[in-house]
PDB file of all heavy atoms in Angstrom:
ATOM      1  N   THR A   1     -71.192 -69.822 -37.858  1.00  0.00           N
ATOM      2  CA  THR A   1     -70.153 -69.060 -37.219  1.00  0.00           C
ATOM      3  C   THR A   1     -69.874 -69.593 -35.837  1.00  0.00           C
ATOM      4  O   THR A   1     -70.753 -69.700 -34.981  1.00  0.00           O
ATOM      5  CB  THR A   1     -70.545 -67.576 -37.154  1.00  0.00           C
ATOM      6  OG1 THR A   1     -71.830 -67.445 -36.530  1.00  0.00           O
ATOM      7  CG2 THR A   1     -70.616 -66.927 -38.548  1.00  0.00           C
ATOM      8  N   TYR A   2     -68.620 -69.926 -35.554  1.00  0.00           N
ATOM      9  CA  TYR A   2     -68.228 -70.556 -34.304  1.00  0.00           C
ATOM     10  C   TYR A   2     -67.087 -69.779 -33.656  1.00  0.00           C
ATOM     11  O   TYR A   2     -66.234 -69.221 -34.342  1.00  0.00           O
ATOM     12  CB  TYR A   2     -67.746 -71.995 -34.564  1.00  0.00           C
ATOM     13  CG  TYR A   2     -68.709 -72.820 -35.349  1.00  0.00           C
ATOM     14  CD1 TYR A   2     -68.269 -73.542 -36.490  1.00  0.00           C
ATOM     15  CD2 TYR A   2     -70.078 -72.899 -35.021  1.00  0.00           C
ATOM     16  CE1 TYR A   2     -69.140 -74.328 -37.208  1.00  0.00           C
ATOM     17  CE2 TYR A   2     -70.943 -73.687 -35.773  1.00  0.00           C
ATOM     18  CZ  TYR A   2     -70.458 -74.378 -36.874  1.00  0.00           C
ATOM     19  OH  TYR A   2     -71.305 -75.147 -37.636  1.00  0.00           O
ATOM     20  N   MET A   3     -67.046 -69.724 -32.342  1.00  0.00           N
ATOM     21  CA  MET A   3     -66.008 -69.036 -31.642  1.00  0.00           C
ATOM     22  C   MET A   3     -65.721 -69.735 -30.326  1.00  0.00           C
ATOM     23  O   MET A   3     -66.621 -70.206 -29.625  1.00  0.00           O
ATOM     24  CB  MET A   3     -66.450 -67.615 -31.357  1.00  0.00           C
ATOM     25  CG  MET A   3     -65.364 -66.706 -30.724  1.00  0.00           C
ATOM     26  SD  MET A   3     -65.544 -66.571 -28.962  1.00  0.00           S
ATOM     27  CE  MET A   3     -64.084 -65.570 -28.547  1.00  0.00           C
ATOM     28  N   ALA A   4     -64.418 -69.832 -29.970  1.00  0.00           N
ATOM     29  CA  ALA A   4     -64.001 -70.320 -28.660  1.00  0.00           C
ATOM     30  C   ALA A   4     -62.810 -69.532 -28.265  1.00  0.00           C
ATOM     31  O   ALA A   4     -61.889 -69.278 -29.060  1.00  0.00           O
ATOM     32  CB  ALA A   4     -63.693 -71.796 -28.663  1.00  0.00           C
ATOM     33  N   GLY A   5     -62.755 -69.140 -26.976  1.00  0.00           N
ATOM     34  CA  GLY A   5     -61.601 -68.390 -26.448  1.00  0.00           C
ATOM     35  C   GLY A   5     -61.937 -67.023 -25.905  1.00  0.00           C
ATOM     36  O   GLY A   5     -63.039 -66.820 -25.341  1.00  0.00           O
ATOM     37  N   LYS A   6     -61.007 -66.128 -26.000  1.00  0.00           N
ATOM     38  CA  LYS A   6     -61.105 -64.831 -25.365  1.00  0.00           C
ATOM     39  C   LYS A   6     -61.887 -63.825 -26.285  1.00  0.00           C
ATOM     40  O   LYS A   6     -61.515 -63.594 -27.417  1.00  0.00           O
ATOM     41  CB  LYS A   6     -59.692 -64.270 -25.105  1.00  0.00           C
ATOM     42  CG  LYS A   6     -59.645 -62.906 -24.475  1.00  0.00           C
ATOM     43  CD  LYS A   6     -58.196 -62.564 -24.106  1.00  0.00           C
ATOM     44  CE  LYS A   6     -58.064 -61.113 -23.734  1.00  0.00           C
ATOM     45  NZ  LYS A   6     -56.668 -60.841 -23.284  1.00  0.00           N
ATOM     46  N   TRP A   7     -62.898 -63.255 -25.727  1.00  0.00           N
ATOM     47  CA  TRP A   7     -63.768 -62.284 -26.444  1.00  0.00           C
ATOM     48  C   TRP A   7     -63.345 -60.875 -26.084  1.00  0.00           C
ATOM     49  O   TRP A   7     -62.906 -60.144 -26.963  1.00  0.00           O
ATOM     50  CB  TRP A   7     -65.195 -62.539 -26.052  1.00  0.00           C
ATOM     51  CG  TRP A   7     -66.229 -61.614 -26.661  1.00  0.00           C
ATOM     52  CD1 TRP A   7     -67.086 -60.792 -26.015  1.00  0.00           C
ATOM     53  CD2 TRP A   7     -66.503 -61.463 -28.060  1.00  0.00           C
ATOM     54  NE1 TRP A   7     -67.908 -60.115 -26.930  1.00  0.00           N
ATOM     55  CE2 TRP A   7     -67.536 -60.505 -28.177  1.00  0.00           C
ATOM     56  CE3 TRP A   7     -65.969 -61.991 -29.224  1.00  0.00           C
ATOM     57  CZ2 TRP A   7     -68.061 -60.068 -29.429  1.00  0.00           C
ATOM     58  CZ3 TRP A   7     -66.503 -61.592 -30.439  1.00  0.00           C
ATOM     59  CH2 TRP A   7     -67.525 -60.634 -30.542  1.00  0.00           C
ATOM     60  N   HIS A   8     -63.492 -60.462 -24.823  1.00  0.00           N
ATOM     61  CA  HIS A   8     -62.994 -59.185 -24.313  1.00  0.00           C
ATOM     62  C   HIS A   8     -63.667 -57.947 -24.988  1.00  0.00           C
ATOM     63  O   HIS A   8     -63.074 -56.857 -25.016  1.00  0.00           O
ATOM     64  CB  HIS A   8     -61.471 -59.065 -24.584  1.00  0.00           C
ATOM     65  CG  HIS A   8     -60.767 -58.298 -23.479  1.00  0.00           C
ATOM     66  ND1 HIS A   8     -59.421 -57.956 -23.540  1.00  0.00           N
ATOM     67  CD2 HIS A   8     -61.229 -57.775 -22.305  1.00  0.00           C
ATOM     68  CE1 HIS A   8     -59.064 -57.272 -22.464  1.00  0.00           C
ATOM     69  NE2 HIS A   8     -60.131 -57.141 -21.704  1.00  0.00           N
ATOM     70  N   LEU A   9     -64.888 -58.130 -25.489  1.00  0.00           N
ATOM     71  CA  LEU A   9     -65.594 -57.082 -26.160  1.00  0.00           C
ATOM     72  C   LEU A   9     -67.008 -56.824 -25.647  1.00  0.00           C
ATOM     73  O   LEU A   9     -67.777 -56.118 -26.245  1.00  0.00           O
ATOM     74  CB  LEU A   9     -65.658 -57.341 -27.701  1.00  0.00           C
ATOM     75  CG  LEU A   9     -64.279 -57.425 -28.401  1.00  0.00           C
ATOM     76  CD1 LEU A   9     -64.494 -57.874 -29.824  1.00  0.00           C
ATOM     77  CD2 LEU A   9     -63.578 -56.062 -28.369  1.00  0.00           C
ATOM     78  N   GLY A  10     -67.271 -57.375 -24.456  1.00  0.00           N
ATOM     79  CA  GLY A  10     -68.561 -57.209 -23.864  1.00  0.00           C
ATOM     80  C   GLY A  10     -68.980 -58.447 -23.057  1.00  0.00           C
ATOM     81  O   GLY A  10     -68.640 -59.557 -23.450  1.00  0.00           O
ATOM     82  N   ALA A  11     -69.687 -58.238 -21.958  1.00  0.00           N
ATOM     83  CA  ALA A  11     -69.984 -59.341 -21.031  1.00  0.00           C
ATOM     84  C   ALA A  11     -71.493 -59.527 -20.814  1.00  0.00           C
ATOM     85  O   ALA A  11     -71.838 -60.313 -19.939  1.00  0.00           O
ATOM     86  CB  ALA A  11     -69.314 -59.046 -19.671  1.00  0.00           C
ATOM     87  N   THR A  12     -72.334 -58.839 -21.537  1.00  0.00           N
ATOM     88  CA  THR A  12     -73.774 -59.074 -21.435  1.00  0.00           C
ATOM     89  C   THR A  12     -74.170 -60.019 -22.564  1.00  0.00           C
ATOM     90  O   THR A  12     -73.479 -60.200 -23.525  1.00  0.00           O
ATOM     91  CB  THR A  12     -74.542 -57.762 -21.569  1.00  0.00           C
ATOM     92  OG1 THR A  12     -74.375 -57.256 -22.906  1.00  0.00           O
ATOM     93  CG2 THR A  12     -74.084 -56.760 -20.556  1.00  0.00           C
ATOM     94  N   PRO A  13     -75.375 -60.641 -22.456  1.00  0.00           N
ATOM     95  CA  PRO A  13     -75.824 -61.532 -23.544  1.00  0.00           C
ATOM     96  C   PRO A  13     -75.846 -60.758 -24.887  1.00  0.00           C
ATOM     97  O   PRO A  13     -75.486 -61.346 -25.934  1.00  0.00           O
ATOM     98  CB  PRO A  13     -77.234 -61.919 -23.116  1.00  0.00           C
ATOM     99  CG  PRO A  13     -77.191 -61.903 -21.632  1.00  0.00           C
ATOM    100  CD  PRO A  13     -76.281 -60.742 -21.295  1.00  0.00           C
ATOM    101  N   GLN A  14     -76.198 -59.491 -24.889  1.00  0.00           N
ATOM    102  CA  GLN A  14     -76.301 -58.722 -26.125  1.00  0.00           C
ATOM    103  C   GLN A  14     -74.908 -58.389 -26.700  1.00  0.00           C
ATOM    104  O   GLN A  14     -74.739 -58.303 -27.929  1.00  0.00           O
ATOM    105  CB  GLN A  14     -77.043 -57.408 -25.871  1.00  0.00           C
ATOM    106  CG  GLN A  14     -78.498 -57.560 -25.488  1.00  0.00           C
ATOM    107  CD  GLN A  14     -78.679 -57.926 -24.008  1.00  0.00           C
ATOM    108  OE1 GLN A  14     -77.774 -57.810 -23.183  1.00  0.00           O
ATOM    109  NE2 GLN A  14     -79.869 -58.469 -23.707  1.00  0.00           N
ATOM    110  N   SER A  15     -73.947 -58.260 -25.857  1.00  0.00           N
ATOM    111  CA  SER A  15     -72.584 -57.883 -26.320  1.00  0.00           C
ATOM    112  C   SER A  15     -71.682 -59.080 -26.350  1.00  0.00           C
ATOM    113  O   SER A  15     -70.462 -58.964 -26.691  1.00  0.00           O
ATOM    114  CB  SER A  15     -71.968 -56.785 -25.424  1.00  0.00           C
ATOM    115  OG  SER A  15     -71.824 -57.247 -24.091  1.00  0.00           O
ATOM    116  N   SER A  16     -72.168 -60.296 -26.040  1.00  0.00           N
ATOM    117  CA  SER A  16     -71.364 -61.487 -26.046  1.00  0.00           C
ATOM    118  C   SER A  16     -71.204 -62.000 -27.505  1.00  0.00           C
ATOM    119  O   SER A  16     -71.822 -61.455 -28.435  1.00  0.00           O
ATOM    120  CB  SER A  16     -72.054 -62.578 -25.242  1.00  0.00           C
ATOM    121  OG  SER A  16     -73.197 -63.029 -25.923  1.00  0.00           O
ATOM    122  N   PRO A  17     -70.389 -63.004 -27.726  1.00  0.00           N
ATOM    123  CA  PRO A  17     -70.301 -63.575 -29.093  1.00  0.00           C
ATOM    124  C   PRO A  17     -71.644 -63.972 -29.688  1.00  0.00           C
ATOM    125  O   PRO A  17     -71.914 -63.753 -30.860  1.00  0.00           O
ATOM    126  CB  PRO A  17     -69.370 -64.768 -28.916  1.00  0.00           C
ATOM    127  CG  PRO A  17     -68.496 -64.393 -27.755  1.00  0.00           C
ATOM    128  CD  PRO A  17     -69.403 -63.654 -26.834  1.00  0.00           C
ATOM    129  N   LEU A  18     -72.536 -64.549 -28.839  1.00  0.00           N
ATOM    130  CA  LEU A  18     -73.875 -64.879 -29.318  1.00  0.00           C
ATOM    131  C   LEU A  18     -74.610 -63.672 -29.793  1.00  0.00           C
ATOM    132  O   LEU A  18     -75.244 -63.677 -30.867  1.00  0.00           O
ATOM    133  CB  LEU A  18     -74.645 -65.573 -28.248  1.00  0.00           C
ATOM    134  CG  LEU A  18     -76.084 -65.999 -28.618  1.00  0.00           C
ATOM    135  CD1 LEU A  18     -76.100 -67.140 -29.593  1.00  0.00           C
ATOM    136  CD2 LEU A  18     -76.936 -66.329 -27.403  1.00  0.00           C
ATOM    137  N   GLY A  19     -74.535 -62.622 -29.046  1.00  0.00           N
ATOM    138  CA  GLY A  19     -75.223 -61.355 -29.410  1.00  0.00           C
ATOM    139  C   GLY A  19     -74.614 -60.664 -30.578  1.00  0.00           C
ATOM    140  O   GLY A  19     -75.242 -59.784 -31.158  1.00  0.00           O
ATOM    141  N   ARG A  20     -73.334 -60.986 -30.920  1.00  0.00           N
ATOM    142  CA  ARG A  20     -72.666 -60.330 -32.005  1.00  0.00           C
ATOM    143  C   ARG A  20     -72.386 -61.283 -33.195  1.00  0.00           C
ATOM    144  O   ARG A  20     -71.427 -61.102 -33.915  1.00  0.00           O
ATOM    145  CB  ARG A  20     -71.379 -59.667 -31.539  1.00  0.00           C
ATOM    146  CG  ARG A  20     -71.524 -58.559 -30.502  1.00  0.00           C
ATOM    147  CD  ARG A  20     -72.534 -57.471 -30.851  1.00  0.00           C
ATOM    148  NE  ARG A  20     -72.306 -56.858 -32.170  1.00  0.00           N
ATOM    149  CZ  ARG A  20     -72.007 -55.558 -32.372  1.00  0.00           C
ATOM    150  NH1 ARG A  20     -71.885 -54.746 -31.311  1.00  0.00           N
ATOM    151  NH2 ARG A  20     -71.906 -55.068 -33.533  1.00  0.00           N
ATOM    152  N   GLY A  21     -73.231 -62.285 -33.355  1.00  0.00           N
ATOM    153  CA  GLY A  21     -73.236 -63.016 -34.575  1.00  0.00           C
ATOM    154  C   GLY A  21     -72.727 -64.436 -34.639  1.00  0.00           C
ATOM    155  O   GLY A  21     -72.734 -65.076 -35.678  1.00  0.00           O
ATOM    156  N   PHE A  22     -72.294 -64.967 -33.482  1.00  0.00           N
ATOM    157  CA  PHE A  22     -71.764 -66.351 -33.538  1.00  0.00           C
ATOM    158  C   PHE A  22     -72.870 -67.359 -33.239  1.00  0.00           C
ATOM    159  O   PHE A  22     -73.615 -67.244 -32.244  1.00  0.00           O
ATOM    160  CB  PHE A  22     -70.641 -66.521 -32.542  1.00  0.00           C
ATOM    161  CG  PHE A  22     -69.350 -65.901 -32.972  1.00  0.00           C
ATOM    162  CD1 PHE A  22     -69.024 -64.590 -32.644  1.00  0.00           C
ATOM    163  CD2 PHE A  22     -68.471 -66.585 -33.855  1.00  0.00           C
ATOM    164  CE1 PHE A  22     -67.831 -63.984 -33.106  1.00  0.00           C
ATOM    165  CE2 PHE A  22     -67.283 -66.001 -34.278  1.00  0.00           C
ATOM    166  CZ  PHE A  22     -66.984 -64.689 -33.925  1.00  0.00           C
ATOM    167  N   THR A  23     -72.955 -68.357 -34.118  1.00  0.00           N
ATOM    168  CA  THR A  23     -73.976 -69.416 -33.980  1.00  0.00           C
ATOM    169  C   THR A  23     -73.747 -70.191 -32.662  1.00  0.00           C
ATOM    170  O   THR A  23     -74.693 -70.421 -31.923  1.00  0.00           O
ATOM    171  CB  THR A  23     -73.909 -70.394 -35.180  1.00  0.00           C
ATOM    172  OG1 THR A  23     -73.896 -69.662 -36.378  1.00  0.00           O
ATOM    173  CG2 THR A  23     -75.039 -71.372 -35.140  1.00  0.00           C
ATOM    174  N   HIS A  24     -72.496 -70.574 -32.420  1.00  0.00           N
ATOM    175  CA  HIS A  24     -72.139 -71.237 -31.200  1.00  0.00           C
ATOM    176  C   HIS A  24     -70.856 -70.605 -30.685  1.00  0.00           C
ATOM    177  O   HIS A  24     -69.922 -70.307 -31.504  1.00  0.00           O
ATOM    178  CB  HIS A  24     -71.990 -72.755 -31.401  1.00  0.00           C
ATOM    179  CG  HIS A  24     -73.207 -73.493 -31.673  1.00  0.00           C
ATOM    180  ND1 HIS A  24     -74.256 -73.571 -30.738  1.00  0.00           N
ATOM    181  CD2 HIS A  24     -73.659 -74.141 -32.771  1.00  0.00           C
ATOM    182  CE1 HIS A  24     -75.237 -74.257 -31.261  1.00  0.00           C
ATOM    183  NE2 HIS A  24     -74.931 -74.637 -32.481  1.00  0.00           N
ATOM    184  N   SER A  25     -70.745 -70.530 -29.342  1.00  0.00           N
ATOM    185  CA  SER A  25     -69.501 -69.910 -28.781  1.00  0.00           C
ATOM    186  C   SER A  25     -69.309 -70.404 -27.369  1.00  0.00           C
ATOM    187  O   SER A  25     -70.246 -70.649 -26.632  1.00  0.00           O
ATOM    188  CB  SER A  25     -69.587 -68.375 -28.820  1.00  0.00           C
ATOM    189  OG  SER A  25     -70.689 -67.945 -28.053  1.00  0.00           O
ATOM    190  N   PHE A  26     -68.033 -70.503 -27.049  1.00  0.00           N
ATOM    191  CA  PHE A  26     -67.621 -70.699 -25.635  1.00  0.00           C
ATOM    192  C   PHE A  26     -66.531 -69.646 -25.428  1.00  0.00           C
ATOM    193  O   PHE A  26     -65.461 -69.751 -26.002  1.00  0.00           O
ATOM    194  CB  PHE A  26     -67.052 -72.097 -25.360  1.00  0.00           C
ATOM    195  CG  PHE A  26     -66.639 -72.320 -23.955  1.00  0.00           C
ATOM    196  CD1 PHE A  26     -67.525 -72.736 -22.991  1.00  0.00           C
ATOM    197  CD2 PHE A  26     -65.340 -72.009 -23.560  1.00  0.00           C
ATOM    198  CE1 PHE A  26     -67.118 -72.874 -21.658  1.00  0.00           C
ATOM    199  CE2 PHE A  26     -64.947 -72.131 -22.202  1.00  0.00           C
ATOM    200  CZ  PHE A  26     -65.844 -72.588 -21.285  1.00  0.00           C
ATOM    201  N   ALA A  27     -66.813 -68.658 -24.599  1.00  0.00           N
ATOM    202  CA  ALA A  27     -65.930 -67.495 -24.560  1.00  0.00           C
ATOM    203  C   ALA A  27     -65.646 -67.000 -23.175  1.00  0.00           C
ATOM    204  O   ALA A  27     -66.489 -67.109 -22.246  1.00  0.00           O
ATOM    205  CB  ALA A  27     -66.572 -66.358 -25.340  1.00  0.00           C
ATOM    206  N   PHE A  28     -64.425 -66.531 -22.954  1.00  0.00           N
ATOM    207  CA  PHE A  28     -64.061 -65.793 -21.777  1.00  0.00           C
ATOM    208  C   PHE A  28     -64.213 -64.310 -22.096  1.00  0.00           C
ATOM    209  O   PHE A  28     -63.721 -63.815 -23.097  1.00  0.00           O
ATOM    210  CB  PHE A  28     -62.611 -66.067 -21.298  1.00  0.00           C
ATOM    211  CG  PHE A  28     -62.193 -65.233 -20.170  1.00  0.00           C
ATOM    212  CD1 PHE A  28     -62.885 -65.322 -18.970  1.00  0.00           C
ATOM    213  CD2 PHE A  28     -61.136 -64.340 -20.284  1.00  0.00           C
ATOM    214  CE1 PHE A  28     -62.467 -64.560 -17.879  1.00  0.00           C
ATOM    215  CE2 PHE A  28     -60.766 -63.574 -19.206  1.00  0.00           C
ATOM    216  CZ  PHE A  28     -61.420 -63.663 -18.001  1.00  0.00           C
ATOM    217  N   THR A  29     -64.988 -63.586 -21.237  1.00  0.00           N
ATOM    218  CA  THR A  29     -65.379 -62.210 -21.562  1.00  0.00           C
ATOM    219  C   THR A  29     -64.297 -61.184 -21.248  1.00  0.00           C
ATOM    220  O   THR A  29     -64.384 -60.091 -21.716  1.00  0.00           O
ATOM    221  CB  THR A  29     -66.675 -61.872 -20.840  1.00  0.00           C
ATOM    222  OG1 THR A  29     -66.447 -61.917 -19.422  1.00  0.00           O
ATOM    223  CG2 THR A  29     -67.789 -62.773 -21.231  1.00  0.00           C
ATOM    224  N   GLY A  30     -63.299 -61.538 -20.406  1.00  0.00           N
ATOM    225  CA  GLY A  30     -62.381 -60.535 -19.920  1.00  0.00           C
ATOM    226  C   GLY A  30     -60.962 -60.612 -20.489  1.00  0.00           C
ATOM    227  O   GLY A  30     -60.726 -61.129 -21.589  1.00  0.00           O
ATOM    228  N   GLY A  31     -60.028 -60.026 -19.685  1.00  0.00           N
ATOM    229  CA  GLY A  31     -58.654 -59.915 -20.133  1.00  0.00           C
ATOM    230  C   GLY A  31     -57.826 -61.142 -19.846  1.00  0.00           C
ATOM    231  O   GLY A  31     -56.921 -61.506 -20.604  1.00  0.00           O
ATOM    232  N   GLY A  32     -58.008 -61.715 -18.627  1.00  0.00           N
ATOM    233  CA  GLY A  32     -57.150 -62.849 -18.268  1.00  0.00           C
ATOM    234  C   GLY A  32     -57.779 -63.556 -17.014  1.00  0.00           C
ATOM    235  O   GLY A  32     -58.496 -62.993 -16.244  1.00  0.00           O
ATOM    236  N   ILE A  33     -57.439 -64.838 -16.952  1.00  0.00           N
ATOM    237  CA  ILE A  33     -58.005 -65.717 -15.910  1.00  0.00           C
ATOM    238  C   ILE A  33     -57.119 -66.946 -15.842  1.00  0.00           C
ATOM    239  O   ILE A  33     -56.339 -67.228 -16.738  1.00  0.00           O
ATOM    240  CB  ILE A  33     -59.462 -66.106 -16.222  1.00  0.00           C
ATOM    241  CG1 ILE A  33     -60.155 -66.688 -14.978  1.00  0.00           C
ATOM    242  CG2 ILE A  33     -59.560 -67.020 -17.431  1.00  0.00           C
ATOM    243  CD1 ILE A  33     -61.666 -66.876 -15.168  1.00  0.00           C
ATOM    244  N   SER A  34     -57.268 -67.729 -14.782  1.00  0.00           N
ATOM    245  CA  SER A  34     -56.488 -68.985 -14.699  1.00  0.00           C
ATOM    246  C   SER A  34     -56.791 -69.804 -15.928  1.00  0.00           C
ATOM    247  O   SER A  34     -57.909 -69.861 -16.437  1.00  0.00           O
ATOM    248  CB  SER A  34     -56.960 -69.763 -13.452  1.00  0.00           C
ATOM    249  OG  SER A  34     -56.458 -71.080 -13.485  1.00  0.00           O
ATOM    250  N   HIS A  35     -55.785 -70.495 -16.444  1.00  0.00           N
ATOM    251  CA  HIS A  35     -55.945 -71.401 -17.599  1.00  0.00           C
ATOM    252  C   HIS A  35     -56.511 -72.723 -17.153  1.00  0.00           C
ATOM    253  O   HIS A  35     -56.883 -73.567 -18.041  1.00  0.00           O
ATOM    254  CB  HIS A  35     -54.626 -71.584 -18.303  1.00  0.00           C
ATOM    255  CG  HIS A  35     -54.139 -70.322 -18.992  1.00  0.00           C
ATOM    256  ND1 HIS A  35     -54.501 -69.970 -20.255  1.00  0.00           N
ATOM    257  CD2 HIS A  35     -53.331 -69.362 -18.558  1.00  0.00           C
ATOM    258  CE1 HIS A  35     -53.964 -68.824 -20.547  1.00  0.00           C
ATOM    259  NE2 HIS A  35     -53.207 -68.407 -19.550  1.00  0.00           N
ATOM    260  N   PHE A  36     -56.638 -72.994 -15.872  1.00  0.00           N
ATOM    261  CA  PHE A  36     -57.220 -74.200 -15.363  1.00  0.00           C
ATOM    262  C   PHE A  36     -58.635 -73.956 -14.923  1.00  0.00           C
ATOM    263  O   PHE A  36     -59.142 -72.822 -14.987  1.00  0.00           O
ATOM    264  CB  PHE A  36     -56.383 -74.769 -14.220  1.00  0.00           C
ATOM    265  CG  PHE A  36     -55.004 -75.186 -14.651  1.00  0.00           C
ATOM    266  CD1 PHE A  36     -53.846 -74.472 -14.197  1.00  0.00           C
ATOM    267  CD2 PHE A  36     -54.796 -76.284 -15.441  1.00  0.00           C
ATOM    268  CE1 PHE A  36     -52.604 -74.871 -14.594  1.00  0.00           C
ATOM    269  CE2 PHE A  36     -53.534 -76.682 -15.848  1.00  0.00           C
ATOM    270  CZ  PHE A  36     -52.423 -75.947 -15.409  1.00  0.00           C
ATOM    271  N   GLY A  37     -59.311 -75.010 -14.466  1.00  0.00           N
ATOM    272  CA  GLY A  37     -60.737 -74.944 -14.180  1.00  0.00           C
ATOM    273  C   GLY A  37     -61.137 -74.206 -12.913  1.00  0.00           C
ATOM    274  O   GLY A  37     -62.302 -74.032 -12.679  1.00  0.00           O
ATOM    275  N   ASP A  38     -60.133 -73.787 -12.123  1.00  0.00           N
ATOM    276  CA  ASP A  38     -60.459 -73.093 -10.857  1.00  0.00           C
ATOM    277  C   ASP A  38     -61.010 -71.708 -11.054  1.00  0.00           C
ATOM    278  O   ASP A  38     -61.572 -71.087 -10.163  1.00  0.00           O
ATOM    279  CB  ASP A  38     -59.261 -73.037  -9.935  1.00  0.00           C
ATOM    280  CG  ASP A  38     -57.985 -72.538 -10.608  1.00  0.00           C
ATOM    281  OD1 ASP A  38     -58.109 -71.758 -11.599  1.00  0.00           O
ATOM    282  OD2 ASP A  38     -56.888 -72.891 -10.175  1.00  0.00           O
ATOM    283  N   GLN A  39     -60.817 -71.107 -12.254  1.00  0.00           N
ATOM    284  CA  GLN A  39     -61.291 -69.787 -12.624  1.00  0.00           C
ATOM    285  C   GLN A  39     -60.805 -68.676 -11.671  1.00  0.00           C
ATOM    286  O   GLN A  39     -61.483 -67.674 -11.468  1.00  0.00           O
ATOM    287  CB  GLN A  39     -62.818 -69.762 -12.677  1.00  0.00           C
ATOM    288  CG  GLN A  39     -63.402 -70.707 -13.686  1.00  0.00           C
ATOM    289  CD  GLN A  39     -64.884 -70.442 -13.984  1.00  0.00           C
ATOM    290  OE1 GLN A  39     -65.253 -69.387 -14.414  1.00  0.00           O
ATOM    291  NE2 GLN A  39     -65.709 -71.478 -13.712  1.00  0.00           N
ATOM    292  N   LEU A  40     -59.643 -68.849 -11.088  1.00  0.00           N
ATOM    293  CA  LEU A  40     -59.065 -67.784 -10.282  1.00  0.00           C
ATOM    294  C   LEU A  40     -58.794 -66.578 -11.140  1.00  0.00           C
ATOM    295  O   LEU A  40     -58.275 -66.689 -12.229  1.00  0.00           O
ATOM    296  CB  LEU A  40     -57.801 -68.272  -9.554  1.00  0.00           C
ATOM    297  CG  LEU A  40     -58.022 -69.321  -8.492  1.00  0.00           C
ATOM    298  CD1 LEU A  40     -56.687 -69.884  -8.025  1.00  0.00           C
ATOM    299  CD2 LEU A  40     -58.812 -68.757  -7.340  1.00  0.00           C
ATOM    300  N   PRO A  41     -59.142 -65.378 -10.632  1.00  0.00           N
ATOM    301  CA  PRO A  41     -59.108 -64.191 -11.500  1.00  0.00           C
ATOM    302  C   PRO A  41     -57.687 -63.626 -11.720  1.00  0.00           C
ATOM    303  O   PRO A  41     -56.778 -63.887 -10.907  1.00  0.00           O
ATOM    304  CB  PRO A  41     -59.978 -63.219 -10.713  1.00  0.00           C
ATOM    305  CG  PRO A  41     -59.769 -63.600  -9.284  1.00  0.00           C
ATOM    306  CD  PRO A  41     -59.661 -65.069  -9.322  1.00  0.00           C
ATOM    307  N   LEU A  42     -57.549 -62.868 -12.750  1.00  0.00           N
ATOM    308  CA  LEU A  42     -56.292 -62.154 -12.994  1.00  0.00           C
ATOM    309  C   LEU A  42     -56.098 -61.078 -11.950  1.00  0.00           C
ATOM    310  O   LEU A  42     -54.983 -60.811 -11.539  1.00  0.00           O
ATOM    311  CB  LEU A  42     -56.365 -61.517 -14.402  1.00  0.00           C
ATOM    312  CG  LEU A  42     -55.078 -60.918 -14.950  1.00  0.00           C
ATOM    313  CD1 LEU A  42     -54.067 -62.028 -15.254  1.00  0.00           C
ATOM    314  CD2 LEU A  42     -55.345 -60.076 -16.221  1.00  0.00           C
ATOM    315  N   ASN A  43     -57.193 -60.460 -11.538  1.00  0.00           N
ATOM    316  CA  ASN A  43     -57.165 -59.503 -10.438  1.00  0.00           C
ATOM    317  C   ASN A  43     -58.589 -59.348  -9.913  1.00  0.00           C
ATOM    318  O   ASN A  43     -59.552 -59.570 -10.609  1.00  0.00           O
ATOM    319  CB  ASN A  43     -56.599 -58.144 -10.884  1.00  0.00           C
ATOM    320  CG  ASN A  43     -57.389 -57.496 -11.944  1.00  0.00           C
ATOM    321  OD1 ASN A  43     -58.458 -56.919 -11.645  1.00  0.00           O
ATOM    322  ND2 ASN A  43     -56.966 -57.558 -13.179  1.00  0.00           N
TER     323      ASN A  43
END
């Protein structure tokens, strides 16, 4: 099970994609953020 992208369902290790069943994942935990590498927040 693989996942990449927006999760938005929890930000702890236990509630992250890894904690909810994904073998490998690269996830953004929130609602929105810069699409570039600067990680400037939505708010």
